Amino acid sequence: MKFLKAKFLKQDRPTGRSYTYRTEDDVHPGDIVIDVRGSKLAVVDEIVDMGWVETYGADKVAKVSK
């Protein structure tokens, strides 16, 4: 399981703040992923705070797929 940061796409451009997601796919910054609701997001090159993930619970972090 990998954790990443991604931003929602608005008019095909990443906008707003970045959110933490988990995935089993091999993704890289710039890749487009889809969340469980069907929203498109762009993977960004930001560091994931693993302390936050451990506190919140890795199983409760939203999942995305390529």
PDB file of N, CA and C in Angstrom:
ATOM      1  N   MET A   1       0.847  -1.177   0.000  1.00  0.00           N
ATOM      2  CA  MET A   1       0.000   0.000   0.000  1.00  0.00           C
ATOM      3  C   MET A   1       0.893   1.242   0.000  1.00  0.00           C
ATOM      4  N   LYS A   2       0.577   2.169  -0.879  1.00  0.00           N
ATOM      5  CA  LYS A   2       1.319   3.420  -0.986  1.00  0.00           C
ATOM      6  C   LYS A   2       0.404   4.570  -0.616  1.00  0.00           C
ATOM      7  N   PHE A   3       0.990   5.618  -0.079  1.00  0.00           N
ATOM      8  CA  PHE A   3       0.249   6.822   0.252  1.00  0.00           C
ATOM      9  C   PHE A   3       0.771   7.964  -0.608  1.00  0.00           C
ATOM     10  N   LEU A   4      -0.144   8.838  -1.038  1.00  0.00           N
ATOM     11  CA  LEU A   4       0.221   9.921  -1.943  1.00  0.00           C
ATOM     12  C   LEU A   4      -0.607  11.152  -1.634  1.00  0.00           C
ATOM     13  N   LYS A   5      -0.191  12.263  -2.202  1.00  0.00           N
ATOM     14  CA  LYS A   5      -0.943  13.509  -2.125  1.00  0.00           C
ATOM     15  C   LYS A   5      -1.498  13.793  -3.517  1.00  0.00           C
ATOM     16  N   ALA A   6      -2.736  14.261  -3.574  1.00  0.00           N
ATOM     17  CA  ALA A   6      -3.366  14.566  -4.860  1.00  0.00           C
ATOM     18  C   ALA A   6      -4.292  15.766  -4.709  1.00  0.00           C
ATOM     19  N   LYS A   7      -4.484  16.466  -5.818  1.00  0.00           N
ATOM     20  CA  LYS A   7      -5.377  17.623  -5.862  1.00  0.00           C
ATOM     21  C   LYS A   7      -6.498  17.342  -6.853  1.00  0.00           C
ATOM     22  N   PHE A   8      -7.691  17.833  -6.539  1.00  0.00           N
ATOM     23  CA  PHE A   8      -8.834  17.693  -7.441  1.00  0.00           C
ATOM     24  C   PHE A   8      -8.587  18.502  -8.709  1.00  0.00           C
ATOM     25  N   LEU A   9      -9.112  17.992  -9.815  1.00  0.00           N
ATOM     26  CA  LEU A   9      -8.994  18.695 -11.088  1.00  0.00           C
ATOM     27  C   LEU A   9     -10.222  19.568 -11.306  1.00  0.00           C
ATOM     28  N   LYS A  10      -9.976  20.789 -11.718  1.00  0.00           N
ATOM     29  CA  LYS A  10     -11.047  21.712 -12.086  1.00  0.00           C
ATOM     30  C   LYS A  10     -10.656  22.279 -13.439  1.00  0.00           C
ATOM     31  N   GLN A  11     -11.447  22.000 -14.454  1.00  0.00           N
ATOM     32  CA  GLN A  11     -11.151  22.379 -15.835  1.00  0.00           C
ATOM     33  C   GLN A  11      -9.775  21.834 -16.236  1.00  0.00           C
ATOM     34  N   ASP A  12      -9.548  20.575 -15.892  1.00  0.00           N
ATOM     35  CA  ASP A  12      -8.320  19.843 -16.225  1.00  0.00           C
ATOM     36  C   ASP A  12      -7.047  20.424 -15.603  1.00  0.00           C
ATOM     37  N   ARG A  13      -7.184  21.193 -14.528  1.00  0.00           N
ATOM     38  CA  ARG A  13      -6.029  21.748 -13.821  1.00  0.00           C
ATOM     39  C   ARG A  13      -6.138  21.406 -12.343  1.00  0.00           C
ATOM     40  N   PRO A  14      -5.043  20.973 -11.719  1.00  0.00           N
ATOM     41  CA  PRO A  14      -5.078  20.700 -10.277  1.00  0.00           C
ATOM     42  C   PRO A  14      -5.285  22.010  -9.507  1.00  0.00           C
ATOM     43  N   THR A  15      -6.286  22.024  -8.644  1.00  0.00           N
ATOM     44  CA  THR A  15      -6.579  23.244  -7.894  1.00  0.00           C
ATOM     45  C   THR A  15      -6.818  22.919  -6.423  1.00  0.00           C
ATOM     46  N   GLY A  16      -6.695  23.950  -5.602  1.00  0.00           N
ATOM     47  CA  GLY A  16      -6.967  23.800  -4.180  1.00  0.00           C
ATOM     48  C   GLY A  16      -5.837  23.123  -3.431  1.00  0.00           C
ATOM     49  N   ARG A  17      -6.177  22.658  -2.243  1.00  0.00           N
ATOM     50  CA  ARG A  17      -5.178  22.006  -1.395  1.00  0.00           C
ATOM     51  C   ARG A  17      -5.027  20.542  -1.787  1.00  0.00           C
ATOM     52  N   SER A  18      -3.956  19.953  -1.330  1.00  0.00           N
ATOM     53  CA  SER A  18      -3.727  18.539  -1.623  1.00  0.00           C
ATOM     54  C   SER A  18      -4.240  17.690  -0.471  1.00  0.00           C
ATOM     55  N   TYR A  19      -4.710  16.504  -0.797  1.00  0.00           N
ATOM     56  CA  TYR A  19      -5.260  15.565   0.176  1.00  0.00           C
ATOM     57  C   TYR A  19      -4.470  14.267   0.125  1.00  0.00           C
ATOM     58  N   THR A  20      -4.481  13.540   1.221  1.00  0.00           N
ATOM     59  CA  THR A  20      -3.774  12.272   1.304  1.00  0.00           C
ATOM     60  C   THR A  20      -4.691  11.130   0.902  1.00  0.00           C
ATOM     61  N   TYR A  21      -4.173  10.233   0.070  1.00  0.00           N
ATOM     62  CA  TYR A  21      -4.906   9.060  -0.397  1.00  0.00           C
ATOM     63  C   TYR A  21      -3.998   7.846  -0.323  1.00  0.00           C
ATOM     64  N   ARG A  22      -4.601   6.674  -0.432  1.00  0.00           N
ATOM     65  CA  ARG A  22      -3.832   5.436  -0.505  1.00  0.00           C
ATOM     66  C   ARG A  22      -4.165   4.746  -1.815  1.00  0.00           C
ATOM     67  N   THR A  23      -3.214   3.956  -2.303  1.00  0.00           N
ATOM     68  CA  THR A  23      -3.414   3.232  -3.551  1.00  0.00           C
ATOM     69  C   THR A  23      -2.527   1.993  -3.578  1.00  0.00           C
ATOM     70  N   GLU A  24      -2.917   1.048  -4.394  1.00  0.00           N
ATOM     71  CA  GLU A  24      -2.088  -0.127  -4.632  1.00  0.00           C
ATOM     72  C   GLU A  24      -1.430  -0.042  -5.998  1.00  0.00           C
ATOM     73  N   ASP A  25      -1.806   0.956  -6.788  1.00  0.00           N
ATOM     74  CA  ASP A  25      -1.256   1.146  -8.131  1.00  0.00           C
ATOM     75  C   ASP A  25       0.085   1.869  -8.058  1.00  0.00           C
ATOM     76  N   ASP A  26       0.872   1.718  -9.130  1.00  0.00           N
ATOM     77  CA  ASP A  26       2.139   2.425  -9.248  1.00  0.00           C
ATOM     78  C   ASP A  26       1.849   3.782  -9.881  1.00  0.00           C
ATOM     79  N   VAL A  27       1.896   4.842  -9.088  1.00  0.00           N
ATOM     80  CA  VAL A  27       1.590   6.181  -9.589  1.00  0.00           C
ATOM     81  C   VAL A  27       2.773   7.108  -9.368  1.00  0.00           C
ATOM     82  N   HIS A  28       2.835   8.146 -10.190  1.00  0.00           N
ATOM     83  CA  HIS A  28       3.915   9.124 -10.145  1.00  0.00           C
ATOM     84  C   HIS A  28       3.299  10.523 -10.212  1.00  0.00           C
ATOM     85  N   PRO A  29       4.027  11.553  -9.762  1.00  0.00           N
ATOM     86  CA  PRO A  29       3.512  12.920  -9.879  1.00  0.00           C
ATOM     87  C   PRO A  29       3.089  13.234 -11.311  1.00  0.00           C
ATOM     88  N   GLY A  30       1.925  13.815 -11.439  1.00  0.00           N
ATOM     89  CA  GLY A  30       1.372  14.150 -12.745  1.00  0.00           C
ATOM     90  C   GLY A  30       0.356  13.142 -13.246  1.00  0.00           C
ATOM     91  N   ASP A  31       0.342  11.940 -12.679  1.00  0.00           N
ATOM     92  CA  ASP A  31      -0.638  10.934 -13.085  1.00  0.00           C
ATOM     93  C   ASP A  31      -2.040  11.346 -12.634  1.00  0.00           C
ATOM     94  N   ILE A  32      -3.042  10.907 -13.381  1.00  0.00           N
ATOM     95  CA  ILE A  32      -4.435  11.153 -13.044  1.00  0.00           C
ATOM     96  C   ILE A  32      -4.990   9.903 -12.381  1.00  0.00           C
ATOM     97  N   VAL A  33      -5.642  10.086 -11.233  1.00  0.00           N
ATOM     98  CA  VAL A  33      -6.256   8.987 -10.505  1.00  0.00           C
ATOM     99  C   VAL A  33      -7.729   9.310 -10.273  1.00  0.00           C
ATOM    100  N   ILE A  34      -8.500   8.284  -9.905  1.00  0.00           N
ATOM    101  CA  ILE A  34      -9.937   8.452  -9.678  1.00  0.00           C
ATOM    102  C   ILE A  34     -10.266   7.936  -8.287  1.00  0.00           C
ATOM    103  N   ASP A  35     -11.067   8.708  -7.537  1.00  0.00           N
ATOM    104  CA  ASP A  35     -11.485   8.253  -6.208  1.00  0.00           C
ATOM    105  C   ASP A  35     -12.755   7.412  -6.322  1.00  0.00           C
ATOM    106  N   VAL A  36     -13.270   6.940  -5.199  1.00  0.00           N
ATOM    107  CA  VAL A  36     -14.434   6.049  -5.210  1.00  0.00           C
ATOM    108  C   VAL A  36     -15.700   6.738  -5.706  1.00  0.00           C
ATOM    109  N   ARG A  37     -15.750   8.050  -5.677  1.00  0.00           N
ATOM    110  CA  ARG A  37     -16.922   8.796  -6.158  1.00  0.00           C
ATOM    111  C   ARG A  37     -16.824   9.124  -7.644  1.00  0.00           C
ATOM    112  N   GLY A  38     -15.687   8.799  -8.260  1.00  0.00           N
ATOM    113  CA  GLY A  38     -15.505   9.070  -9.683  1.00  0.00           C
ATOM    114  C   GLY A  38     -14.855  10.396  -9.986  1.00  0.00           C
ATOM    115  N   SER A  39     -14.407  11.113  -8.972  1.00  0.00           N
ATOM    116  CA  SER A  39     -13.735  12.394  -9.181  1.00  0.00           C
ATOM    117  C   SER A  39     -12.303  12.168  -9.655  1.00  0.00           C
ATOM    118  N   LYS A  40     -11.860  13.008 -10.566  1.00  0.00           N
ATOM    119  CA  LYS A  40     -10.493  12.915 -11.073  1.00  0.00           C
ATOM    120  C   LYS A  40      -9.576  13.803 -10.234  1.00  0.00           C
ATOM    121  N   LEU A  41      -8.390  13.256  -9.948  1.00  0.00           N
ATOM    122  CA  LEU A  41      -7.387  13.978  -9.179  1.00  0.00           C
ATOM    123  C   LEU A  41      -6.034  13.830  -9.849  1.00  0.00           C
ATOM    124  N   ALA A  42      -5.164  14.809  -9.629  1.00  0.00           N
ATOM    125  CA  ALA A  42      -3.795  14.752 -10.142  1.00  0.00           C
ATOM    126  C   ALA A  42      -2.857  14.503  -8.972  1.00  0.00           C
ATOM    127  N   VAL A  43      -1.982  13.531  -9.138  1.00  0.00           N
ATOM    128  CA  VAL A  43      -0.989  13.228  -8.112  1.00  0.00           C
ATOM    129  C   VAL A  43       0.043  14.345  -8.101  1.00  0.00           C
ATOM    130  N   VAL A  44       0.351  14.859  -6.903  1.00  0.00           N
ATOM    131  CA  VAL A  44       1.331  15.935  -6.769  1.00  0.00           C
ATOM    132  C   VAL A  44       2.558  15.426  -6.016  1.00  0.00           C
ATOM    133  N   ASP A  45       3.655  16.099  -6.214  1.00  0.00           N
ATOM    134  CA  ASP A  45       4.926  15.718  -5.598  1.00  0.00           C
ATOM    135  C   ASP A  45       5.054  16.412  -4.243  1.00  0.00           C
ATOM    136  N   GLU A  46       4.347  15.888  -3.240  1.00  0.00           N
ATOM    137  CA  GLU A  46       4.418  16.411  -1.879  1.00  0.00           C
ATOM    138  C   GLU A  46       4.633  15.250  -0.923  1.00  0.00           C
ATOM    139  N   ILE A  47       5.265  15.534   0.186  1.00  0.00           N
ATOM    140  CA  ILE A  47       5.557  14.504   1.181  1.00  0.00           C
ATOM    141  C   ILE A  47       4.311  14.212   2.012  1.00  0.00           C
ATOM    142  N   VAL A  48       4.030  12.921   2.202  1.00  0.00           N
ATOM    143  CA  VAL A  48       2.895  12.491   3.015  1.00  0.00           C
ATOM    144  C   VAL A  48       3.358  12.391   4.466  1.00  0.00           C
ATOM    145  N   ASP A  49       2.598  12.982   5.368  1.00  0.00           N
ATOM    146  CA  ASP A  49       2.897  12.916   6.795  1.00  0.00           C
ATOM    147  C   ASP A  49       2.429  11.563   7.342  1.00  0.00           C
ATOM    148  N   MET A  50       3.357  10.620   7.447  1.00  0.00           N
ATOM    149  CA  MET A  50       3.002   9.272   7.892  1.00  0.00           C
ATOM    150  C   MET A  50       2.555   9.258   9.357  1.00  0.00           C
ATOM    151  N   GLY A  51       2.977  10.212  10.151  1.00  0.00           N
ATOM    152  CA  GLY A  51       2.502  10.321  11.530  1.00  0.00           C
ATOM    153  C   GLY A  51       1.005  10.563  11.558  1.00  0.00           C
ATOM    154  N   TRP A  52       0.535  11.408  10.639  1.00  0.00           N
ATOM    155  CA  TRP A  52      -0.899  11.682  10.535  1.00  0.00           C
ATOM    156  C   TRP A  52      -1.637  10.428  10.114  1.00  0.00           C
ATOM    157  N   VAL A  53      -1.077   9.692   9.144  1.00  0.00           N
ATOM    158  CA  VAL A  53      -1.709   8.465   8.655  1.00  0.00           C
ATOM    159  C   VAL A  53      -1.819   7.444   9.780  1.00  0.00           C
ATOM    160  N   GLU A  54      -0.760   7.275  10.567  1.00  0.00           N
ATOM    161  CA  GLU A  54      -0.772   6.322  11.668  1.00  0.00           C
ATOM    162  C   GLU A  54      -1.772   6.727  12.752  1.00  0.00           C
ATOM    163  N   THR A  55      -1.870   8.003  13.030  1.00  0.00           N
ATOM    164  CA  THR A  55      -2.819   8.484  14.039  1.00  0.00           C
ATOM    165  C   THR A  55      -4.254   8.313  13.573  1.00  0.00           C
ATOM    166  N   TYR A  56      -4.522   8.684  12.336  1.00  0.00           N
ATOM    167  CA  TYR A  56      -5.877   8.627  11.791  1.00  0.00           C
ATOM    168  C   TYR A  56      -6.293   7.188  11.496  1.00  0.00           C
ATOM    169  N   GLY A  57      -5.342   6.390  11.055  1.00  0.00           N
ATOM    170  CA  GLY A  57      -5.621   4.992  10.698  1.00  0.00           C
ATOM    171  C   GLY A  57      -5.507   4.803   9.207  1.00  0.00           C
ATOM    172  N   ALA A  58      -4.564   3.972   8.777  1.00  0.00           N
ATOM    173  CA  ALA A  58      -4.320   3.770   7.350  1.00  0.00           C
ATOM    174  C   ALA A  58      -5.548   3.242   6.631  1.00  0.00           C
ATOM    175  N   ASP A  59      -6.365   2.437   7.326  1.00  0.00           N
ATOM    176  CA  ASP A  59      -7.561   1.886   6.684  1.00  0.00           C
ATOM    177  C   ASP A  59      -8.654   2.917   6.486  1.00  0.00           C
ATOM    178  N   LYS A  60      -8.546   4.076   7.131  1.00  0.00           N
ATOM    179  CA  LYS A  60      -9.573   5.117   6.999  1.00  0.00           C
ATOM    180  C   LYS A  60      -9.189   6.198   5.984  1.00  0.00           C
ATOM    181  N   VAL A  61      -8.007   6.089   5.401  1.00  0.00           N
ATOM    182  CA  VAL A  61      -7.592   7.026   4.371  1.00  0.00           C
ATOM    183  C   VAL A  61      -8.269   6.615   3.073  1.00  0.00           C
ATOM    184  N   ALA A  62      -8.852   7.578   2.370  1.00  0.00           N
ATOM    185  CA  ALA A  62      -9.583   7.301   1.127  1.00  0.00           C
ATOM    186  C   ALA A  62      -8.675   6.646   0.094  1.00  0.00           C
ATOM    187  N   LYS A  63      -9.272   5.779  -0.717  1.00  0.00           N
ATOM    188  CA  LYS A  63      -8.529   5.019  -1.717  1.00  0.00           C
ATOM    189  C   LYS A  63      -8.760   5.589  -3.109  1.00  0.00           C
ATOM    190  N   VAL A  64      -7.712   5.603  -3.926  1.00  0.00           N
ATOM    191  CA  VAL A  64      -7.806   6.018  -5.331  1.00  0.00           C
ATOM    192  C   VAL A  64      -7.203   4.917  -6.199  1.00  0.00           C
ATOM    193  N   SER A  65      -7.548   4.954  -7.480  1.00  0.00           N
ATOM    194  CA  SER A  65      -6.973   3.990  -8.423  1.00  0.00           C
ATOM    195  C   SER A  65      -6.610   4.709  -9.709  1.00  0.00           C
ATOM    196  N   LYS A  66      -5.717   4.109 -10.456  1.00  0.00           N
ATOM    197  CA  LYS A  66      -5.241   4.704 -11.686  1.00  0.00           C
ATOM    198  C   LYS A  66      -6.230   4.517 -12.812  1.00  0.00           C
TER     199      LYS A  66
END
